[in-house]
Amino acid sequence: MTVYRYDGTFAGFLTCVWDALESKVEPAAFLLPDDEATFWEERELAADEERARRLYAALARRVSPAFRALITRGFLTCLPQRELALLTLIRRGFREGDRVRLDLSDPVMARVELALTKMWTEWDHLKGFVRFSDLDGFLVGEIEPKNRVLPLLAPHFAARYPGERLVLYDRTHREAFLSDRGRWKLVPAEDLRMGPAGPEERAFRALWRRYHETIAIEGRIDPKGQATHLPKRYRHVMTEFLTDEEMEKSLPGQAAGAKPLREGGTDRKL
């Protein structure tokens, strides 16, 4: 049996897929650099940007643009061993065409589709649950998602706040979204911290907490309903549920010295 060890990027994954298709390898697993060693034969591949681009183009040309979007977004999900599932779909797509994308009787396609549904639900929730603080001229926020939704949230917040400078940190995947008046990039960041909030920001936080506490009708409080509409797993990074001291322990800061995901970063102008 063979396993692939790669850098965790989408380009690195497509490089492994290229190798698997070319050499007709059926890998047992995909590993990241820090994963433990196995008893199987390992193929450690560096990301090949040229091969990744060619395979990325082939997914749309030989199957369909919608299929390519499914593979790209499927890679952002937290589906266990998503790489094996996506490789299986790519093999089928090249053999059978776009109909594989609609075949939910296939257990692999059904698993990927369910993972995508959960990811889009999380993305939709976070568009409303993200809280920003005004710190040193930046609007700074933090999330801890299960799926890697930051690349999907980035264009939304860059367009929503085109005149602002934003920092949104993903604790789970250790990356930050940086936006400067509509131009944005994603950068890896192991740990980010900001200085304490100023008096004006503290006053706004207190006002928001007071509003949250007084808007409820005491006799109609429904904890189960509240948990449905605002799941508890989001609350530990939301202003209305934290004290200033708790926020300042967790809020991220600038990605000083952080290297881009690839040369030039993931940079977009909207």
C-alpha atoms as a PDB file:
ATOM      1  CA  MET A   1       0.000   0.000   0.000  1.00  0.00           C
ATOM      2  CA  THR A   2       1.073   3.571  -0.716  1.00  0.00           C
ATOM      3  CA  VAL A   3       0.322   6.828   1.094  1.00  0.00           C
ATOM      4  CA  TYR A   4       0.927  10.351  -0.132  1.00  0.00           C
ATOM      5  CA  ARG A   5       2.506  12.955   2.126  1.00  0.00           C
ATOM      6  CA  TYR A   6       1.981  16.527   0.944  1.00  0.00           C
ATOM      7  CA  ASP A   7       1.931  20.111   2.219  1.00  0.00           C
ATOM      8  CA  GLY A   8      -1.843  20.412   2.764  1.00  0.00           C
ATOM      9  CA  THR A   9      -2.420  22.942  -0.028  1.00  0.00           C
ATOM     10  CA  PHE A  10      -4.863  22.471  -2.889  1.00  0.00           C
ATOM     11  CA  ALA A  11      -1.974  22.649  -5.362  1.00  0.00           C
ATOM     12  CA  GLY A  12      -0.198  19.945  -3.374  1.00  0.00           C
ATOM     13  CA  PHE A  13      -3.318  17.767  -3.438  1.00  0.00           C
ATOM     14  CA  LEU A  14      -3.712  18.159  -7.210  1.00  0.00           C
ATOM     15  CA  THR A  15      -0.028  17.231  -7.612  1.00  0.00           C
ATOM     16  CA  CYS A  16      -0.700  13.982  -5.733  1.00  0.00           C
ATOM     17  CA  VAL A  17      -3.804  13.335  -7.853  1.00  0.00           C
ATOM     18  CA  TRP A  18      -1.753  13.824 -11.028  1.00  0.00           C
ATOM     19  CA  ASP A  19       0.809  11.299  -9.773  1.00  0.00           C
ATOM     20  CA  ALA A  20      -1.897   8.804  -8.754  1.00  0.00           C
ATOM     21  CA  LEU A  21      -3.608   9.016 -12.153  1.00  0.00           C
ATOM     22  CA  GLU A  22      -0.329   8.801 -14.069  1.00  0.00           C
ATOM     23  CA  SER A  23       1.123   5.886 -12.098  1.00  0.00           C
ATOM     24  CA  LYS A  24      -2.237   4.178 -11.466  1.00  0.00           C
ATOM     25  CA  VAL A  25      -1.648   4.193  -7.709  1.00  0.00           C
ATOM     26  CA  GLU A  26      -4.559   3.525  -5.343  1.00  0.00           C
ATOM     27  CA  PRO A  27      -3.361   5.342  -2.188  1.00  0.00           C
ATOM     28  CA  ALA A  28      -4.414   4.186   1.247  1.00  0.00           C
ATOM     29  CA  ALA A  29      -4.267   7.673   2.754  1.00  0.00           C
ATOM     30  CA  PHE A  30      -3.046  11.245   2.397  1.00  0.00           C
ATOM     31  CA  LEU A  31      -0.792  12.591   5.136  1.00  0.00           C
ATOM     32  CA  LEU A  32       0.347  16.073   6.113  1.00  0.00           C
ATOM     33  CA  PRO A  33       3.980  16.869   7.033  1.00  0.00           C
ATOM     34  CA  ASP A  34       3.346  16.608  10.789  1.00  0.00           C
ATOM     35  CA  ASP A  35       1.315  13.384  10.655  1.00  0.00           C
ATOM     36  CA  GLU A  36       2.871  10.288  12.180  1.00  0.00           C
ATOM     37  CA  ALA A  37       4.792   7.861  10.004  1.00  0.00           C
ATOM     38  CA  THR A  38       3.112   4.676   8.789  1.00  0.00           C
ATOM     39  CA  PHE A  39       4.314   1.195   7.843  1.00  0.00           C
ATOM     40  CA  TRP A  40       3.182   1.755   4.259  1.00  0.00           C
ATOM     41  CA  GLU A  41       5.326   3.031   1.438  1.00  0.00           C
ATOM     42  CA  GLU A  42       5.260   6.836   1.446  1.00  0.00           C
ATOM     43  CA  ARG A  43       5.418   9.158  -1.533  1.00  0.00           C
ATOM     44  CA  GLU A  44       6.307  12.657  -0.399  1.00  0.00           C
ATOM     45  CA  LEU A  45       5.532  15.144  -3.160  1.00  0.00           C
ATOM     46  CA  ALA A  46       6.184  18.869  -3.286  1.00  0.00           C
ATOM     47  CA  ALA A  47       3.460  20.993  -4.839  1.00  0.00           C
ATOM     48  CA  ASP A  48       3.975  21.317  -8.598  1.00  0.00           C
ATOM     49  CA  GLU A  49       2.156  24.490  -9.649  1.00  0.00           C
ATOM     50  CA  GLU A  50       2.304  23.673 -13.364  1.00  0.00           C
ATOM     51  CA  ARG A  51       0.785  20.212 -12.974  1.00  0.00           C
ATOM     52  CA  ALA A  52      -1.790  21.568 -10.538  1.00  0.00           C
ATOM     53  CA  ARG A  53      -2.863  24.243 -13.041  1.00  0.00           C
ATOM     54  CA  ARG A  54      -3.119  21.726 -15.870  1.00  0.00           C
ATOM     55  CA  LEU A  55      -5.189  19.292 -13.805  1.00  0.00           C
ATOM     56  CA  TYR A  56      -7.380  22.132 -12.522  1.00  0.00           C
ATOM     57  CA  ALA A  57      -8.110  23.175 -16.120  1.00  0.00           C
ATOM     58  CA  ALA A  58      -8.773  19.568 -17.139  1.00  0.00           C
ATOM     59  CA  LEU A  59     -11.434  19.139 -14.455  1.00  0.00           C
ATOM     60  CA  ALA A  60     -13.525  21.835 -16.137  1.00  0.00           C
ATOM     61  CA  ARG A  61     -12.640  20.908 -19.731  1.00  0.00           C
ATOM     62  CA  ARG A  62     -13.053  17.132 -19.503  1.00  0.00           C
ATOM     63  CA  VAL A  63     -15.858  17.004 -16.920  1.00  0.00           C
ATOM     64  CA  SER A  64     -17.503  20.404 -16.227  1.00  0.00           C
ATOM     65  CA  PRO A  65     -16.911  23.734 -14.450  1.00  0.00           C
ATOM     66  CA  ALA A  66     -19.506  22.681 -11.858  1.00  0.00           C
ATOM     67  CA  PHE A  67     -17.586  19.470 -11.163  1.00  0.00           C
ATOM     68  CA  ARG A  68     -14.363  21.439 -10.734  1.00  0.00           C
ATOM     69  CA  ALA A  69     -16.119  23.752  -8.273  1.00  0.00           C
ATOM     70  CA  LEU A  70     -17.343  20.702  -6.329  1.00  0.00           C
ATOM     71  CA  ILE A  71     -13.782  19.333  -6.040  1.00  0.00           C
ATOM     72  CA  THR A  72     -12.357  22.745  -5.085  1.00  0.00           C
ATOM     73  CA  ARG A  73     -14.958  23.377  -2.402  1.00  0.00           C
ATOM     74  CA  GLY A  74     -14.914  19.782  -1.218  1.00  0.00           C
ATOM     75  CA  PHE A  75     -11.259  20.293  -0.354  1.00  0.00           C
ATOM     76  CA  LEU A  76     -12.297  23.011   2.122  1.00  0.00           C
ATOM     77  CA  THR A  77     -14.579  20.687   4.096  1.00  0.00           C
ATOM     78  CA  CYS A  78     -13.674  18.823   7.279  1.00  0.00           C
ATOM     79  CA  LEU A  79     -14.699  15.469   5.773  1.00  0.00           C
ATOM     80  CA  PRO A  80     -12.319  12.803   7.174  1.00  0.00           C
ATOM     81  CA  GLN A  81      -9.843  11.724   4.482  1.00  0.00           C
ATOM     82  CA  ARG A  82     -11.524  14.072   2.036  1.00  0.00           C
ATOM     83  CA  GLU A  83      -8.586  13.642  -0.339  1.00  0.00           C
ATOM     84  CA  LEU A  84      -9.410   9.957  -0.915  1.00  0.00           C
ATOM     85  CA  ALA A  85     -13.066  10.777  -1.556  1.00  0.00           C
ATOM     86  CA  LEU A  86     -12.193  13.571  -3.995  1.00  0.00           C
ATOM     87  CA  LEU A  87      -9.659  11.391  -5.812  1.00  0.00           C
ATOM     88  CA  THR A  88     -12.350   8.727  -6.236  1.00  0.00           C
ATOM     89  CA  LEU A  89     -14.725  11.310  -7.725  1.00  0.00           C
ATOM     90  CA  ILE A  90     -12.044  12.674 -10.055  1.00  0.00           C
ATOM     91  CA  ARG A  91     -11.341   9.188 -11.394  1.00  0.00           C
ATOM     92  CA  ARG A  92     -15.053   8.642 -12.007  1.00  0.00           C
ATOM     93  CA  GLY A  93     -15.473  12.092 -13.526  1.00  0.00           C
ATOM     94  CA  PHE A  94     -12.753  11.480 -16.096  1.00  0.00           C
ATOM     95  CA  ARG A  95     -14.319   8.100 -16.982  1.00  0.00           C
ATOM     96  CA  GLU A  96     -18.032   8.938 -16.874  1.00  0.00           C
ATOM     97  CA  GLY A  97     -18.334  12.693 -17.234  1.00  0.00           C
ATOM     98  CA  ASP A  98     -20.415  15.167 -15.255  1.00  0.00           C
ATOM     99  CA  ARG A  99     -23.193  12.739 -14.359  1.00  0.00           C
ATOM    100  CA  VAL A 100     -21.098  11.579 -11.407  1.00  0.00           C
ATOM    101  CA  ARG A 101     -21.793  14.942  -9.728  1.00  0.00           C
ATOM    102  CA  LEU A 102     -25.529  14.216  -9.623  1.00  0.00           C
ATOM    103  CA  ASP A 103     -25.279  10.559  -8.618  1.00  0.00           C
ATOM    104  CA  LEU A 104     -26.201  10.676  -4.933  1.00  0.00           C
ATOM    105  CA  SER A 105     -26.739   6.904  -4.976  1.00  0.00           C
ATOM    106  CA  ASP A 106     -22.943   6.682  -4.931  1.00  0.00           C
ATOM    107  CA  PRO A 107     -21.878   6.633  -1.246  1.00  0.00           C
ATOM    108  CA  VAL A 108     -18.733   8.676  -1.905  1.00  0.00           C
ATOM    109  CA  MET A 109     -20.638  11.409  -3.737  1.00  0.00           C
ATOM    110  CA  ALA A 110     -23.302  11.379  -1.015  1.00  0.00           C
ATOM    111  CA  ARG A 111     -20.657  11.856   1.699  1.00  0.00           C
ATOM    112  CA  VAL A 112     -19.023  14.742  -0.138  1.00  0.00           C
ATOM    113  CA  GLU A 113     -22.387  16.394  -0.799  1.00  0.00           C
ATOM    114  CA  LEU A 114     -23.344  16.117   2.887  1.00  0.00           C
ATOM    115  CA  ALA A 115     -19.978  17.601   3.907  1.00  0.00           C
ATOM    116  CA  LEU A 116     -20.529  20.492   1.477  1.00  0.00           C
ATOM    117  CA  THR A 117     -24.008  21.129   2.878  1.00  0.00           C
ATOM    118  CA  LYS A 118     -22.590  21.331   6.407  1.00  0.00           C
ATOM    119  CA  MET A 119     -19.797  23.639   5.251  1.00  0.00           C
ATOM    120  CA  TRP A 120     -22.214  26.038   3.523  1.00  0.00           C
ATOM    121  CA  THR A 121     -24.394  26.058   6.652  1.00  0.00           C
ATOM    122  CA  GLU A 122     -21.372  27.019   8.750  1.00  0.00           C
ATOM    123  CA  TRP A 123     -20.405  29.707   6.202  1.00  0.00           C
ATOM    124  CA  ASP A 124     -23.924  31.139   6.299  1.00  0.00           C
ATOM    125  CA  HIS A 125     -23.945  31.185  10.116  1.00  0.00           C
ATOM    126  CA  LEU A 126     -20.576  32.904  10.360  1.00  0.00           C
ATOM    127  CA  LYS A 127     -21.611  35.698   8.000  1.00  0.00           C
ATOM    128  CA  GLY A 128     -23.939  36.766  10.802  1.00  0.00           C
ATOM    129  CA  PHE A 129     -22.084  35.586  13.909  1.00  0.00           C
ATOM    130  CA  VAL A 130     -18.676  37.195  13.293  1.00  0.00           C
ATOM    131  CA  ARG A 131     -17.995  40.094  15.675  1.00  0.00           C
ATOM    132  CA  PHE A 132     -15.391  42.749  14.908  1.00  0.00           C
ATOM    133  CA  SER A 133     -13.621  45.062  17.359  1.00  0.00           C
ATOM    134  CA  ASP A 134     -12.052  48.381  16.396  1.00  0.00           C
ATOM    135  CA  LEU A 135      -8.395  47.966  17.448  1.00  0.00           C
ATOM    136  CA  ASP A 136      -5.591  50.251  16.287  1.00  0.00           C
ATOM    137  CA  GLY A 137      -7.528  51.281  13.183  1.00  0.00           C
ATOM    138  CA  PHE A 138      -8.368  47.687  12.193  1.00  0.00           C
ATOM    139  CA  LEU A 139     -11.674  45.847  12.516  1.00  0.00           C
ATOM    140  CA  VAL A 140     -10.506  42.615  14.127  1.00  0.00           C
ATOM    141  CA  GLY A 141     -12.454  39.388  14.588  1.00  0.00           C
ATOM    142  CA  GLU A 142     -11.932  35.704  15.263  1.00  0.00           C
ATOM    143  CA  ILE A 143     -13.605  32.425  14.280  1.00  0.00           C
ATOM    144  CA  GLU A 144     -13.076  28.773  15.158  1.00  0.00           C
ATOM    145  CA  PRO A 145     -14.841  26.844  12.364  1.00  0.00           C
ATOM    146  CA  LYS A 146     -14.876  23.119  11.690  1.00  0.00           C
ATOM    147  CA  ASN A 147     -14.490  23.665   7.943  1.00  0.00           C
ATOM    148  CA  ARG A 148     -11.971  25.931   6.218  1.00  0.00           C
ATOM    149  CA  VAL A 149     -14.544  28.598   5.430  1.00  0.00           C
ATOM    150  CA  LEU A 150     -12.222  31.612   5.641  1.00  0.00           C
ATOM    151  CA  PRO A 151     -11.546  31.632   1.854  1.00  0.00           C
ATOM    152  CA  LEU A 152     -15.323  31.724   1.331  1.00  0.00           C
ATOM    153  CA  LEU A 153     -15.917  34.418   3.960  1.00  0.00           C
ATOM    154  CA  ALA A 154     -13.091  36.639   2.703  1.00  0.00           C
ATOM    155  CA  PRO A 155     -14.782  38.054  -0.439  1.00  0.00           C
ATOM    156  CA  HIS A 156     -18.027  38.546   1.512  1.00  0.00           C
ATOM    157  CA  PHE A 157     -16.445  40.722   4.210  1.00  0.00           C
ATOM    158  CA  ALA A 158     -14.125  42.532   1.775  1.00  0.00           C
ATOM    159  CA  ALA A 159     -17.188  43.556  -0.248  1.00  0.00           C
ATOM    160  CA  ARG A 160     -19.290  44.328   2.824  1.00  0.00           C
ATOM    161  CA  TYR A 161     -16.655  46.666   4.308  1.00  0.00           C
ATOM    162  CA  PRO A 162     -14.887  48.091   1.222  1.00  0.00           C
ATOM    163  CA  GLY A 163     -13.604  51.184   3.046  1.00  0.00           C
ATOM    164  CA  GLU A 164     -12.230  49.399   6.121  1.00  0.00           C
ATOM    165  CA  ARG A 165      -9.085  47.550   7.144  1.00  0.00           C
ATOM    166  CA  LEU A 166     -10.036  44.094   8.418  1.00  0.00           C
ATOM    167  CA  VAL A 167      -8.359  41.187  10.193  1.00  0.00           C
ATOM    168  CA  LEU A 168     -10.295  37.926  10.620  1.00  0.00           C
ATOM    169  CA  TYR A 169      -8.384  35.066  12.247  1.00  0.00           C
ATOM    170  CA  ASP A 170      -9.252  31.373  11.899  1.00  0.00           C
ATOM    171  CA  ARG A 171      -8.061  29.641  15.074  1.00  0.00           C
ATOM    172  CA  THR A 172      -8.701  26.145  13.739  1.00  0.00           C
ATOM    173  CA  HIS A 173      -6.719  26.373  10.506  1.00  0.00           C
ATOM    174  CA  ARG A 174      -4.202  28.982  11.692  1.00  0.00           C
ATOM    175  CA  GLU A 175      -4.726  31.506   8.935  1.00  0.00           C
ATOM    176  CA  ALA A 176      -5.810  35.125   8.759  1.00  0.00           C
ATOM    177  CA  PHE A 177      -7.801  37.196   6.292  1.00  0.00           C
ATOM    178  CA  LEU A 178      -6.324  40.671   5.835  1.00  0.00           C
ATOM    179  CA  SER A 179      -8.236  43.315   3.888  1.00  0.00           C
ATOM    180  CA  ASP A 180      -7.207  46.885   3.149  1.00  0.00           C
ATOM    181  CA  ARG A 181     -10.097  48.779   1.566  1.00  0.00           C
ATOM    182  CA  GLY A 182     -11.201  45.976  -0.736  1.00  0.00           C
ATOM    183  CA  ARG A 183      -7.823  44.381  -1.494  1.00  0.00           C
ATOM    184  CA  TRP A 184      -7.411  41.204   0.496  1.00  0.00           C
ATOM    185  CA  LYS A 185      -5.203  38.187   1.063  1.00  0.00           C
ATOM    186  CA  LEU A 186      -5.038  35.068   3.216  1.00  0.00           C
ATOM    187  CA  VAL A 187      -1.852  34.429   5.168  1.00  0.00           C
ATOM    188  CA  PRO A 188      -0.807  31.598   7.507  1.00  0.00           C
ATOM    189  CA  ALA A 189      -0.538  32.752  11.119  1.00  0.00           C
ATOM    190  CA  GLU A 190       0.201  30.445  14.027  1.00  0.00           C
ATOM    191  CA  ASP A 191      -0.927  32.909  16.705  1.00  0.00           C
ATOM    192  CA  LEU A 192      -2.054  36.534  16.533  1.00  0.00           C
ATOM    193  CA  ARG A 193      -2.551  39.076  19.304  1.00  0.00           C
ATOM    194  CA  MET A 194      -3.621  42.726  19.506  1.00  0.00           C
ATOM    195  CA  GLY A 195      -3.115  45.286  22.246  1.00  0.00           C
ATOM    196  CA  PRO A 196      -5.913  46.209  24.668  1.00  0.00           C
ATOM    197  CA  ALA A 197      -9.009  47.984  23.385  1.00  0.00           C
ATOM    198  CA  GLY A 198      -9.309  51.715  23.851  1.00  0.00           C
ATOM    199  CA  PRO A 199     -12.030  53.459  25.889  1.00  0.00           C
ATOM    200  CA  GLU A 200     -14.321  53.990  22.878  1.00  0.00           C
ATOM    201  CA  GLU A 201     -14.213  50.340  21.835  1.00  0.00           C
ATOM    202  CA  ARG A 202     -14.860  49.220  25.422  1.00  0.00           C
ATOM    203  CA  ALA A 203     -17.853  51.550  25.563  1.00  0.00           C
ATOM    204  CA  PHE A 204     -19.279  50.042  22.364  1.00  0.00           C
ATOM    205  CA  ARG A 205     -18.789  46.523  23.720  1.00  0.00           C
ATOM    206  CA  ALA A 206     -20.594  47.428  26.938  1.00  0.00           C
ATOM    207  CA  LEU A 207     -23.434  48.985  24.946  1.00  0.00           C
ATOM    208  CA  TRP A 208     -23.784  45.883  22.795  1.00  0.00           C
ATOM    209  CA  ARG A 209     -23.833  43.600  25.863  1.00  0.00           C
ATOM    210  CA  ARG A 210     -26.438  45.784  27.542  1.00  0.00           C
ATOM    211  CA  TYR A 211     -28.623  45.626  24.445  1.00  0.00           C
ATOM    212  CA  HIS A 212     -28.245  41.845  24.300  1.00  0.00           C
ATOM    213  CA  GLU A 213     -29.198  41.464  27.969  1.00  0.00           C
ATOM    214  CA  THR A 214     -32.215  43.797  27.902  1.00  0.00           C
ATOM    215  CA  ILE A 215     -33.795  42.871  24.541  1.00  0.00           C
ATOM    216  CA  ALA A 216     -34.980  39.481  25.819  1.00  0.00           C
ATOM    217  CA  ILE A 217     -38.419  39.060  27.407  1.00  0.00           C
ATOM    218  CA  GLU A 218     -37.711  37.203  30.635  1.00  0.00           C
ATOM    219  CA  GLY A 219     -40.921  35.201  30.625  1.00  0.00           C
ATOM    220  CA  ARG A 220     -40.339  33.963  27.084  1.00  0.00           C
ATOM    221  CA  ILE A 221     -36.692  32.895  27.296  1.00  0.00           C
ATOM    222  CA  ASP A 222     -36.277  29.608  25.397  1.00  0.00           C
ATOM    223  CA  PRO A 223     -32.771  28.131  25.810  1.00  0.00           C
ATOM    224  CA  LYS A 224     -33.434  25.307  23.330  1.00  0.00           C
ATOM    225  CA  GLY A 225     -34.710  27.734  20.713  1.00  0.00           C
ATOM    226  CA  GLN A 226     -31.749  30.036  21.318  1.00  0.00           C
ATOM    227  CA  ALA A 227     -29.336  27.131  20.879  1.00  0.00           C
ATOM    228  CA  THR A 228     -31.011  26.268  17.574  1.00  0.00           C
ATOM    229  CA  HIS A 229     -30.730  29.788  16.175  1.00  0.00           C
ATOM    230  CA  LEU A 230     -27.323  30.558  17.728  1.00  0.00           C
ATOM    231  CA  PRO A 231     -25.430  27.314  18.413  1.00  0.00           C
ATOM    232  CA  LYS A 232     -23.295  27.389  21.558  1.00  0.00           C
ATOM    233  CA  ARG A 233     -20.113  26.509  19.676  1.00  0.00           C
ATOM    234  CA  TYR A 234     -20.047  30.015  18.159  1.00  0.00           C
ATOM    235  CA  ARG A 235     -20.564  31.961  21.377  1.00  0.00           C
ATOM    236  CA  HIS A 236     -17.028  31.798  22.786  1.00  0.00           C
ATOM    237  CA  VAL A 237     -15.840  34.282  20.128  1.00  0.00           C
ATOM    238  CA  MET A 238     -18.857  36.627  20.226  1.00  0.00           C
ATOM    239  CA  THR A 239     -18.704  39.988  22.011  1.00  0.00           C
ATOM    240  CA  GLU A 240     -22.025  39.690  23.813  1.00  0.00           C
ATOM    241  CA  PHE A 241     -20.959  36.499  25.620  1.00  0.00           C
ATOM    242  CA  LEU A 242     -17.466  37.622  26.712  1.00  0.00           C
ATOM    243  CA  THR A 243     -15.984  40.109  29.139  1.00  0.00           C
ATOM    244  CA  ASP A 244     -13.379  42.599  27.916  1.00  0.00           C
ATOM    245  CA  GLU A 245     -10.675  40.600  29.673  1.00  0.00           C
ATOM    246  CA  GLU A 246     -11.723  37.374  27.947  1.00  0.00           C
ATOM    247  CA  MET A 247     -11.813  39.107  24.579  1.00  0.00           C
ATOM    248  CA  GLU A 248      -8.353  40.573  24.958  1.00  0.00           C
ATOM    249  CA  LYS A 249      -6.944  37.156  25.771  1.00  0.00           C
ATOM    250  CA  SER A 250      -8.356  35.699  22.565  1.00  0.00           C
ATOM    251  CA  LEU A 251      -8.596  38.452  19.945  1.00  0.00           C
ATOM    252  CA  PRO A 252      -5.988  38.141  17.206  1.00  0.00           C
ATOM    253  CA  GLY A 253      -3.583  40.748  15.981  1.00  0.00           C
ATOM    254  CA  GLN A 254      -1.646  41.659  12.883  1.00  0.00           C
ATOM    255  CA  ALA A 255      -0.003  38.923  10.853  1.00  0.00           C
ATOM    256  CA  ALA A 256       3.395  40.549  11.187  1.00  0.00           C
ATOM    257  CA  GLY A 257       6.064  38.642   9.327  1.00  0.00           C
ATOM    258  CA  ALA A 258       3.632  35.942   8.229  1.00  0.00           C
ATOM    259  CA  LYS A 259       4.504  34.276   4.942  1.00  0.00           C
ATOM    260  CA  PRO A 260       1.824  34.089   2.222  1.00  0.00           C
ATOM    261  CA  LEU A 261       0.123  30.806   1.391  1.00  0.00           C
ATOM    262  CA  ARG A 262       2.035  30.873  -1.859  1.00  0.00           C
ATOM    263  CA  GLU A 263       4.292  33.455  -3.432  1.00  0.00           C
ATOM    264  CA  GLY A 264       2.265  36.651  -3.600  1.00  0.00           C
ATOM    265  CA  GLY A 265      -0.384  35.333  -1.202  1.00  0.00           C
ATOM    266  CA  THR A 266      -4.009  34.774  -2.073  1.00  0.00           C
ATOM    267  CA  ASP A 267      -4.707  38.327  -3.215  1.00  0.00           C
ATOM    268  CA  ARG A 268      -7.918  39.610  -4.763  1.00  0.00           C
ATOM    269  CA  LYS A 269      -9.238  43.005  -5.724  1.00  0.00           C
ATOM    270  CA  LEU A 270     -13.031  43.290  -5.760  1.00  0.00           C
END
